[in-house]
C-alpha atoms as a PDB file:
ATOM      1  CA  MET A   1     -12.457 -65.276  43.324  1.00  0.00           C
ATOM      2  CA  PRO A   2     -11.734 -65.068  47.067  1.00  0.00           C
ATOM      3  CA  ALA A   3     -14.575 -63.921  49.302  1.00  0.00           C
ATOM      4  CA  PHE A   4     -12.584 -60.940  50.552  1.00  0.00           C
ATOM      5  CA  ILE A   5     -12.196 -59.474  47.035  1.00  0.00           C
ATOM      6  CA  GLY A   6     -15.835 -60.190  46.173  1.00  0.00           C
ATOM      7  CA  SER A   7     -17.017 -58.451  49.325  1.00  0.00           C
ATOM      8  CA  LEU A   8     -14.664 -55.531  48.622  1.00  0.00           C
ATOM      9  CA  ILE A   9     -15.935 -55.065  45.076  1.00  0.00           C
ATOM     10  CA  PHE A  10     -19.598 -55.165  46.028  1.00  0.00           C
ATOM     11  CA  SER A  11     -19.354 -53.156  49.254  1.00  0.00           C
ATOM     12  CA  LYS A  12     -20.987 -49.763  49.881  1.00  0.00           C
ATOM     13  CA  PRO A  13     -17.680 -47.799  50.052  1.00  0.00           C
ATOM     14  CA  THR A  14     -16.651 -49.222  46.704  1.00  0.00           C
ATOM     15  CA  ALA A  15     -20.032 -48.324  45.232  1.00  0.00           C
ATOM     16  CA  TYR A  16     -19.681 -44.779  46.602  1.00  0.00           C
ATOM     17  CA  LEU A  17     -16.166 -44.571  45.241  1.00  0.00           C
ATOM     18  CA  LEU A  18     -17.312 -45.748  41.807  1.00  0.00           C
ATOM     19  CA  ALA A  19     -20.251 -43.316  41.923  1.00  0.00           C
ATOM     20  CA  ALA A  20     -17.866 -40.505  42.858  1.00  0.00           C
ATOM     21  CA  LEU A  21     -15.515 -41.469  39.997  1.00  0.00           C
ATOM     22  CA  VAL A  22     -18.422 -41.550  37.542  1.00  0.00           C
ATOM     23  CA  ALA A  23     -19.582 -38.130  38.807  1.00  0.00           C
ATOM     24  CA  ILE A  24     -16.066 -36.732  38.480  1.00  0.00           C
ATOM     25  CA  ALA A  25     -15.773 -38.172  34.970  1.00  0.00           C
ATOM     26  CA  ALA A  26     -19.166 -36.699  34.058  1.00  0.00           C
ATOM     27  CA  LEU A  27     -18.192 -33.299  35.451  1.00  0.00           C
ATOM     28  CA  TRP A  28     -14.884 -33.509  33.609  1.00  0.00           C
ATOM     29  CA  GLY A  29     -16.760 -34.342  30.394  1.00  0.00           C
ATOM     30  CA  VAL A  30     -19.123 -31.400  30.895  1.00  0.00           C
ATOM     31  CA  TYR A  31     -16.148 -29.094  31.599  1.00  0.00           C
ATOM     32  CA  VAL A  32     -14.304 -30.257  28.497  1.00  0.00           C
ATOM     33  CA  TYR A  33     -17.438 -29.861  26.345  1.00  0.00           C
ATOM     34  CA  VAL A  34     -18.186 -26.378  27.697  1.00  0.00           C
ATOM     35  CA  ASP A  35     -14.561 -25.326  27.403  1.00  0.00           C
ATOM     36  CA  HIS A  36     -14.479 -26.577  23.819  1.00  0.00           C
ATOM     37  CA  GLN A  37     -17.651 -24.642  23.013  1.00  0.00           C
ATOM     38  CA  GLY A  38     -16.121 -21.498  24.517  1.00  0.00           C
ATOM     39  CA  TYR A  39     -12.985 -22.042  22.496  1.00  0.00           C
ATOM     40  CA  GLN A  40     -15.034 -22.447  19.350  1.00  0.00           C
ATOM     41  CA  ARG A  41     -16.937 -19.202  20.049  1.00  0.00           C
ATOM     42  CA  ALA A  42     -13.678 -17.367  20.679  1.00  0.00           C
ATOM     43  CA  ALA A  43     -12.152 -18.848  17.524  1.00  0.00           C
ATOM     44  CA  VAL A  44     -15.150 -17.730  15.462  1.00  0.00           C
ATOM     45  CA  GLU A  45     -15.087 -14.268  17.069  1.00  0.00           C
ATOM     46  CA  TYR A  46     -11.393 -13.785  16.378  1.00  0.00           C
ATOM     47  CA  GLN A  47     -11.707 -15.188  12.856  1.00  0.00           C
ATOM     48  CA  ILE A  48     -14.346 -12.524  12.166  1.00  0.00           C
ATOM     49  CA  LYS A  49     -12.037  -9.841  13.598  1.00  0.00           C
ATOM     50  CA  TYR A  50      -9.124 -11.176  11.538  1.00  0.00           C
ATOM     51  CA  ASP A  51     -11.215 -11.260   8.358  1.00  0.00           C
ATOM     52  CA  LYS A  52     -12.312  -7.655   8.992  1.00  0.00           C
ATOM     53  CA  LEU A  53      -8.694  -6.570   9.487  1.00  0.00           C
ATOM     54  CA  VAL A  54      -7.666  -8.289   6.259  1.00  0.00           C
ATOM     55  CA  SER A  55     -10.580  -6.680   4.441  1.00  0.00           C
ATOM     56  CA  ASP A  56      -9.713  -3.241   5.846  1.00  0.00           C
ATOM     57  CA  TYR A  57      -6.070  -3.767   4.870  1.00  0.00           C
ATOM     58  CA  ASN A  58      -7.026  -4.753   1.325  1.00  0.00           C
ATOM     59  CA  ASP A  59      -9.334  -1.738   1.018  1.00  0.00           C
ATOM     60  CA  ALA A  60      -6.620   0.613   2.270  1.00  0.00           C
ATOM     61  CA  ARG A  61      -4.092  -0.998  -0.070  1.00  0.00           C
ATOM     62  CA  ALA A  62      -6.412  -0.579  -3.074  1.00  0.00           C
ATOM     63  CA  LYS A  63      -7.094   3.059  -2.149  1.00  0.00           C
ATOM     64  CA  GLU A  64      -3.367   3.772  -1.768  1.00  0.00           C
ATOM     65  CA  ILE A  65      -2.587   2.165  -5.119  1.00  0.00           C
ATOM     66  CA  MET A  66      -5.336   4.246  -6.748  1.00  0.00           C
ATOM     67  CA  ARG A  67      -4.024   7.404  -5.077  1.00  0.00           C
ATOM     68  CA  GLN A  68      -0.513   6.668  -6.337  1.00  0.00           C
ATOM     69  CA  VAL A  69      -1.779   5.987  -9.870  1.00  0.00           C
ATOM     70  CA  MET A  70      -3.718   9.264  -9.875  1.00  0.00           C
ATOM     71  CA  ALA A  71      -0.727  11.188  -8.490  1.00  0.00           C
ATOM     72  CA  ASN A  72       1.582   9.625 -11.096  1.00  0.00           C
ATOM     73  CA  ASN A  73      -0.853  10.412 -13.910  1.00  0.00           C
ATOM     74  CA  ALA A  74      -1.172  14.018 -12.726  1.00  0.00           C
ATOM     75  CA  ALA A  75       2.629  14.326 -12.537  1.00  0.00           C
ATOM     76  CA  LYS A  76       3.005  12.842 -16.022  1.00  0.00           C
ATOM     77  CA  ALA A  77       0.422  15.270 -17.419  1.00  0.00           C
ATOM     78  CA  LEU A  78       2.202  18.198 -15.770  1.00  0.00           C
ATOM     79  CA  GLU A  79       5.523  16.919 -17.106  1.00  0.00           C
ATOM     80  CA  ALA A  80       4.109  16.600 -20.640  1.00  0.00           C
ATOM     81  CA  ALA A  81       2.722  20.152 -20.475  1.00  0.00           C
ATOM     82  CA  ARG A  82       6.059  21.489 -19.230  1.00  0.00           C
ATOM     83  CA  ILE A  83       7.964  19.604 -21.953  1.00  0.00           C
ATOM     84  CA  ALA A  84       5.604  21.036 -24.576  1.00  0.00           C
ATOM     85  CA  GLU A  85       6.219  24.547 -23.195  1.00  0.00           C
ATOM     86  CA  LEU A  86       9.981  24.021 -23.246  1.00  0.00           C
ATOM     87  CA  GLN A  87       9.877  22.657 -26.799  1.00  0.00           C
ATOM     88  CA  ALA A  88       7.785  25.623 -27.948  1.00  0.00           C
ATOM     89  CA  ALA A  89      10.169  28.056 -26.247  1.00  0.00           C
ATOM     90  CA  ASN A  90      13.160  26.242 -27.765  1.00  0.00           C
ATOM     91  CA  SER A  91      11.590  26.303 -31.215  1.00  0.00           C
ATOM     92  CA  GLU A  92      10.816  30.008 -30.842  1.00  0.00           C
ATOM     93  CA  LEU A  93      14.393  30.693 -29.717  1.00  0.00           C
ATOM     94  CA  GLU A  94      15.851  28.725 -32.634  1.00  0.00           C
ATOM     95  CA  THR A  95      13.632  30.635 -35.053  1.00  0.00           C
ATOM     96  CA  ARG A  96      14.698  33.941 -33.500  1.00  0.00           C
ATOM     97  CA  ILE A  97      18.404  32.974 -33.670  1.00  0.00           C
ATOM     98  CA  LYS A  98      17.993  32.029 -37.350  1.00  0.00           C
ATOM     99  CA  GLU A  99      16.293  35.382 -38.058  1.00  0.00           C
ATOM    100  CA  LEU A 100      19.086  37.256 -36.290  1.00  0.00           C
ATOM    101  CA  ALA A 101      21.736  35.251 -38.151  1.00  0.00           C
ATOM    102  CA  ASP A 102      20.026  36.121 -41.438  1.00  0.00           C
ATOM    103  CA  GLU A 103      19.948  39.800 -40.427  1.00  0.00           C
ATOM    104  CA  ALA A 104      23.635  39.606 -39.548  1.00  0.00           C
ATOM    105  CA  ASP A 105      24.432  38.116 -42.966  1.00  0.00           C
ATOM    106  CA  LYS A 106      22.527  40.989 -44.651  1.00  0.00           C
ATOM    107  CA  ASP A 107      24.127  43.666 -42.460  1.00  0.00           C
ATOM    108  CA  PRO A 108      26.218  46.025 -44.645  1.00  0.00           C
ATOM    109  CA  ASP A 109      28.588  46.651 -41.700  1.00  0.00           C
ATOM    110  CA  ALA A 110      29.246  42.926 -41.107  1.00  0.00           C
ATOM    111  CA  GLY A 111      32.896  43.129 -42.171  1.00  0.00           C
ATOM    112  CA  ARG A 112      33.831  46.070 -39.964  1.00  0.00           C
ATOM    113  CA  ALA A 113      36.260  45.691 -37.072  1.00  0.00           C
ATOM    114  CA  ALA A 114      33.836  47.299 -34.596  1.00  0.00           C
ATOM    115  CA  LEU A 115      30.207  46.516 -33.900  1.00  0.00           C
ATOM    116  CA  GLY A 116      27.624  48.714 -35.482  1.00  0.00           C
ATOM    117  CA  ALA A 117      24.363  49.835 -33.895  1.00  0.00           C
ATOM    118  CA  SER A 118      22.362  47.128 -35.659  1.00  0.00           C
ATOM    119  CA  SER A 119      24.850  44.464 -34.444  1.00  0.00           C
ATOM    120  CA  VAL A 120      24.518  45.652 -30.848  1.00  0.00           C
ATOM    121  CA  GLN A 121      20.712  45.587 -31.138  1.00  0.00           C
ATOM    122  CA  ARG A 122      20.824  42.002 -32.412  1.00  0.00           C
ATOM    123  CA  ILE A 123      23.072  40.955 -29.522  1.00  0.00           C
ATOM    124  CA  ASN A 124      20.752  42.612 -27.022  1.00  0.00           C
ATOM    125  CA  LYS A 125      17.751  40.771 -28.504  1.00  0.00           C
ATOM    126  CA  VAL A 126      19.395  37.405 -27.781  1.00  0.00           C
ATOM    127  CA  ARG A 127      19.976  38.216 -24.107  1.00  0.00           C
END
């Protein structure tokens, strides 16, 4: 190795330059480590927030599904009650029509060209 290169490598400015490079590398390492730690804290913080949002969403979804099930069951019960009422009214009407038809068959004035008083009363009962 030539003397010039040997004296350049082992000189004070080179030693200062190497010390400065080592210090810069150390500072860079500390910065990267601290930055990584900050990133990890932020990642954990936002993961907790995200998990809470997902949990809140799932709770709201479950409550909405339960509300819809309850509303549908209430509507079905109301529908069943209304159908039962309509069937009872229909049955009553059919029974009444049969009774009136039987009365009409027994009416002595059934063959007349005009309506008798009992025929008019039967018609008015159907209205």
